C-alpha atoms as a PDB file:
ATOM      1  CA  MET A   1     241.696 107.175  41.887  1.00  0.00           C
ATOM      2  CA  ALA A   2     238.175 105.874  42.584  1.00  0.00           C
ATOM      3  CA  GLU A   3     235.197 108.148  42.189  1.00  0.00           C
ATOM      4  CA  GLU A   4     233.492 109.307  45.311  1.00  0.00           C
ATOM      5  CA  PRO A   5     229.862 108.111  45.616  1.00  0.00           C
ATOM      6  CA  ALA A   6     227.359 110.868  45.043  1.00  0.00           C
ATOM      7  CA  ALA A   7     225.950 112.413  48.178  1.00  0.00           C
ATOM      8  CA  PRO A   8     222.340 111.429  48.813  1.00  0.00           C
ATOM      9  CA  ALA A   9     219.914 114.036  47.577  1.00  0.00           C
ATOM     10  CA  ALA A  10     218.459 116.121  50.343  1.00  0.00           C
ATOM     11  CA  ALA A  11     214.751 115.640  50.883  1.00  0.00           C
ATOM     12  CA  ALA A  12     212.907 118.322  49.032  1.00  0.00           C
ATOM     13  CA  ALA A  13     211.186 120.779  51.283  1.00  0.00           C
ATOM     14  CA  PRO A  14     207.464 121.037  50.649  1.00  0.00           C
ATOM     15  CA  ARG A  15     206.825 123.781  48.146  1.00  0.00           C
ATOM     16  CA  LYS A  16     204.680 126.702  49.077  1.00  0.00           C
ATOM     17  CA  PRO A  17     201.563 126.632  46.990  1.00  0.00           C
ATOM     18  CA  ARG A  18     201.596 129.200  44.243  1.00  0.00           C
ATOM     19  CA  ASN A  19     198.004 130.031  44.948  1.00  0.00           C
ATOM     20  CA  PRO A  20     197.071 129.501  48.622  1.00  0.00           C
ATOM     21  CA  ALA A  21     193.490 130.611  47.950  1.00  0.00           C
ATOM     22  CA  ALA A  22     193.089 127.879  45.334  1.00  0.00           C
ATOM     23  CA  ARG A  23     194.477 125.358  47.798  1.00  0.00           C
ATOM     24  CA  GLU A  24     191.917 126.414  50.441  1.00  0.00           C
ATOM     25  CA  ILE A  25     189.110 126.157  47.900  1.00  0.00           C
ATOM     26  CA  ALA A  26     190.349 122.669  46.990  1.00  0.00           C
ATOM     27  CA  ILE A  27     190.469 121.633  50.665  1.00  0.00           C
ATOM     28  CA  ARG A  28     186.839 122.698  51.125  1.00  0.00           C
ATOM     29  CA  ALA A  29     185.767 121.009  47.885  1.00  0.00           C
ATOM     30  CA  ILE A  30     187.478 117.697  48.660  1.00  0.00           C
ATOM     31  CA  GLY A  31     186.265 117.926  52.272  1.00  0.00           C
ATOM     32  CA  ARG A  32     182.679 118.207  51.024  1.00  0.00           C
ATOM     33  CA  GLY A  33     183.177 115.053  48.995  1.00  0.00           C
ATOM     34  CA  LEU A  34     183.618 116.532  45.535  1.00  0.00           C
ATOM     35  CA  SER A  35     185.697 114.645  42.975  1.00  0.00           C
ATOM     36  CA  VAL A  36     189.205 115.687  41.986  1.00  0.00           C
ATOM     37  CA  ARG A  37     187.807 117.015  38.713  1.00  0.00           C
ATOM     38  CA  ALA A  38     185.110 119.077  40.452  1.00  0.00           C
ATOM     39  CA  ALA A  39     187.559 120.356  43.089  1.00  0.00           C
ATOM     40  CA  ALA A  40     189.973 121.426  40.339  1.00  0.00           C
ATOM     41  CA  ARG A  41     187.168 123.232  38.545  1.00  0.00           C
ATOM     42  CA  HIS A  42     186.134 125.065  41.746  1.00  0.00           C
ATOM     43  CA  ALA A  43     189.735 125.990  42.600  1.00  0.00           C
ATOM     44  CA  ARG A  44     190.546 126.846  38.990  1.00  0.00           C
ATOM     45  CA  VAL A  45     193.624 124.633  38.930  1.00  0.00           C
ATOM     46  CA  ASN A  46     194.628 121.526  36.994  1.00  0.00           C
ATOM     47  CA  GLU A  47     193.540 118.150  38.282  1.00  0.00           C
ATOM     48  CA  SER A  48     197.231 117.268  38.608  1.00  0.00           C
ATOM     49  CA  SER A  49     197.576 120.028  41.219  1.00  0.00           C
ATOM     50  CA  ILE A  50     194.794 118.480  43.295  1.00  0.00           C
ATOM     51  CA  ARG A  51     196.337 115.014  42.934  1.00  0.00           C
ATOM     52  CA  GLY A  52     199.700 116.399  44.043  1.00  0.00           C
ATOM     53  CA  TRP A  53     198.154 118.126  47.047  1.00  0.00           C
ATOM     54  CA  LEU A  54     196.383 114.886  47.989  1.00  0.00           C
ATOM     55  CA  LYS A  55     199.832 113.327  48.457  1.00  0.00           C
ATOM     56  CA  GLN A  56     200.869 115.976  50.984  1.00  0.00           C
ATOM     57  CA  PRO A  57     200.221 115.136  54.652  1.00  0.00           C
ATOM     58  CA  ASN A  58     199.338 118.736  55.575  1.00  0.00           C
ATOM     59  CA  PHE A  59     196.715 118.923  52.793  1.00  0.00           C
ATOM     60  CA  ILE A  60     195.211 115.601  53.869  1.00  0.00           C
ATOM     61  CA  ALA A  61     195.209 116.751  57.511  1.00  0.00           C
ATOM     62  CA  ALA A  62     193.371 119.947  56.542  1.00  0.00           C
ATOM     63  CA  VAL A  63     190.732 117.962  54.613  1.00  0.00           C
ATOM     64  CA  GLU A  64     190.286 115.551  57.530  1.00  0.00           C
ATOM     65  CA  ALA A  65     189.985 118.417  60.030  1.00  0.00           C
ATOM     66  CA  LEU A  66     187.272 119.984  57.883  1.00  0.00           C
ATOM     67  CA  GLN A  67     185.423 116.665  57.636  1.00  0.00           C
ATOM     68  CA  ASP A  68     185.679 116.158  61.419  1.00  0.00           C
ATOM     69  CA  GLU A  69     184.135 119.594  61.975  1.00  0.00           C
ATOM     70  CA  GLN A  70     181.321 118.799  59.551  1.00  0.00           C
ATOM     71  CA  ILE A  71     180.564 115.577  61.436  1.00  0.00           C
ATOM     72  CA  LYS A  72     180.537 117.417  64.775  1.00  0.00           C
ATOM     73  CA  ARG A  73     178.177 120.030  63.325  1.00  0.00           C
ATOM     74  CA  ALA A  74     175.833 117.315  62.039  1.00  0.00           C
ATOM     75  CA  GLU A  75     175.865 115.572  65.433  1.00  0.00           C
ATOM     76  CA  ARG A  76     174.937 118.851  67.161  1.00  0.00           C
ATOM     77  CA  ILE A  77     172.011 119.283  64.784  1.00  0.00           C
ATOM     78  CA  LEU A  78     170.832 115.711  65.417  1.00  0.00           C
ATOM     79  CA  ARG A  79     171.162 116.104  69.201  1.00  0.00           C
ATOM     80  CA  GLY A  80     169.091 119.279  68.970  1.00  0.00           C
ATOM     81  CA  SER A  81     166.398 117.337  67.116  1.00  0.00           C
ATOM     82  CA  ALA A  82     166.378 114.289  69.389  1.00  0.00           C
ATOM     83  CA  ALA A  83     163.816 115.567  71.909  1.00  0.00           C
ATOM     84  CA  ARG A  84     161.435 116.606  69.137  1.00  0.00           C
ATOM     85  CA  ALA A  85     161.875 113.219  67.431  1.00  0.00           C
ATOM     86  CA  ALA A  86     161.151 111.366  70.665  1.00  0.00           C
ATOM     87  CA  ARG A  87     158.057 113.505  71.328  1.00  0.00           C
ATOM     88  CA  SER A  88     156.788 112.828  67.814  1.00  0.00           C
ATOM     89  CA  LEU A  89     157.146 109.080  68.257  1.00  0.00           C
ATOM     90  CA  VAL A  90     155.354 109.183  71.602  1.00  0.00           C
ATOM     91  CA  GLU A  91     152.509 111.305  70.181  1.00  0.00           C
ATOM     92  CA  VAL A  92     152.078 109.002  67.185  1.00  0.00           C
ATOM     93  CA  ALA A  93     152.196 105.906  69.400  1.00  0.00           C
ATOM     94  CA  SER A  94     149.650 107.348  71.833  1.00  0.00           C
ATOM     95  CA  GLY A  95     147.306 108.378  69.022  1.00  0.00           C
ATOM     96  CA  LYS A  96     147.541 112.089  69.847  1.00  0.00           C
ATOM     97  CA  ILE A  97     148.667 112.837  66.291  1.00  0.00           C
ATOM     98  CA  GLU A  98     148.672 110.966  63.038  1.00  0.00           C
ATOM     99  CA  GLY A  99     152.142 110.702  61.614  1.00  0.00           C
ATOM    100  CA  SER A 100     153.092 109.537  58.175  1.00  0.00           C
ATOM    101  CA  ALA A 101     155.360 106.567  57.782  1.00  0.00           C
ATOM    102  CA  GLN A 102     158.087 108.946  56.562  1.00  0.00           C
ATOM    103  CA  GLN A 103     157.803 111.126  59.687  1.00  0.00           C
ATOM    104  CA  VAL A 104     157.973 108.103  61.981  1.00  0.00           C
ATOM    105  CA  ALA A 105     160.929 106.673  60.058  1.00  0.00           C
ATOM    106  CA  ALA A 106     162.743 110.022  60.157  1.00  0.00           C
ATOM    107  CA  ALA A 107     162.201 110.398  63.915  1.00  0.00           C
ATOM    108  CA  ARG A 108     163.357 106.834  64.530  1.00  0.00           C
ATOM    109  CA  ASP A 109     166.389 107.377  62.285  1.00  0.00           C
ATOM    110  CA  ILE A 110     167.440 110.496  64.217  1.00  0.00           C
ATOM    111  CA  LEU A 111     167.285 108.608  67.496  1.00  0.00           C
ATOM    112  CA  GLU A 112     169.103 105.580  66.101  1.00  0.00           C
ATOM    113  CA  ARG A 113     171.903 107.739  64.684  1.00  0.00           C
ATOM    114  CA  LEU A 114     172.394 109.128  68.174  1.00  0.00           C
ATOM    115  CA  HIS A 115     172.293 105.591  69.599  1.00  0.00           C
ATOM    116  CA  VAL A 116     169.248 106.374  71.741  1.00  0.00           C
ATOM    117  CA  GLY A 117     167.739 103.099  72.815  1.00  0.00           C
ATOM    118  CA  LYS A 118     170.779 101.133  71.737  1.00  0.00           C
ATOM    119  CA  ALA A 119     172.317 101.117  75.193  1.00  0.00           C
ATOM    120  CA  GLN A 120     172.142  97.905  77.121  1.00  0.00           C
ATOM    121  CA  ARG A 121     168.553  97.438  78.142  1.00  0.00           C
ATOM    122  CA  VAL A 122     167.532  96.216  81.565  1.00  0.00           C
ATOM    123  CA  GLN A 123     164.715  93.757  81.219  1.00  0.00           C
ATOM    124  CA  ALA A 124     162.100  93.482  83.882  1.00  0.00           C
ATOM    125  CA  VAL A 125     162.072  90.002  85.326  1.00  0.00           C
ATOM    126  CA  ASP A 126     158.846  88.498  86.579  1.00  0.00           C
ATOM    127  CA  PRO A 127     159.626  87.109  90.042  1.00  0.00           C
ATOM    128  CA  LEU A 128     157.348  84.133  89.353  1.00  0.00           C
ATOM    129  CA  GLU A 129     159.682  83.032  86.570  1.00  0.00           C
ATOM    130  CA  THR A 130     162.608  82.669  88.966  1.00  0.00           C
ATOM    131  CA  MET A 131     160.760  80.692  91.675  1.00  0.00           C
ATOM    132  CA  SER A 132     161.164  76.979  92.197  1.00  0.00           C
ATOM    133  CA  ASP A 133     158.020  74.812  92.108  1.00  0.00           C
ATOM    134  CA  ASP A 134     157.900  74.716  95.932  1.00  0.00           C
ATOM    135  CA  GLU A 135     158.260  78.519  96.172  1.00  0.00           C
ATOM    136  CA  LEU A 136     155.578  78.978  93.534  1.00  0.00           C
ATOM    137  CA  ALA A 137     153.170  76.656  95.385  1.00  0.00           C
ATOM    138  CA  ALA A 138     153.804  78.554  98.631  1.00  0.00           C
ATOM    139  CA  GLU A 139     153.155  81.888  96.876  1.00  0.00           C
ATOM    140  CA  ILE A 140     149.872  80.596  95.422  1.00  0.00           C
ATOM    141  CA  GLN A 141     148.705  79.449  98.866  1.00  0.00           C
ATOM    142  CA  LYS A 142     149.707  82.798 100.351  1.00  0.00           C
ATOM    143  CA  GLN A 143     147.737  84.707  97.669  1.00  0.00           C
ATOM    144  CA  GLN A 144     144.690  82.493  98.221  1.00  0.00           C
ATOM    145  CA  ARG A 145     144.792  83.157 101.982  1.00  0.00           C
ATOM    146  CA  ILE A 146     144.790  86.933 101.523  1.00  0.00           C
ATOM    147  CA  GLY A 147     142.000  86.697  98.972  1.00  0.00           C
ATOM    148  CA  ARG A 148     143.694  87.659  95.786  1.00  0.00           C
END
């Protein structure tokens, strides 16, 4: 009688972390950009635990969600500073205040990070540039007649 093939092993259910608090600490540490070694030290677990967690989709999703929130928070701070940055640039440009090169660069950097001024610009077109030679001659004669 032939042997029956072994049944395929059931997919292992994700294990509950032994120390959920350590896992949360690791999520925050990795989310802030710390290394595996530093995250393990903060969470007081072995580096192998962190490496194992980094293979789990729910751990990765939690890290990414934390990073997304940090980016949103940073964008809110920059948006709150945009008006002040623009005012500073205008005051320096108009000579009302003297700004250091670092202050001007910082203000410009804030606005650039928010893409202010990067939108498609509408350039003013001088109507004289679009006229034909005959139209230009007629415009010159017209201006001379009215005394301009």
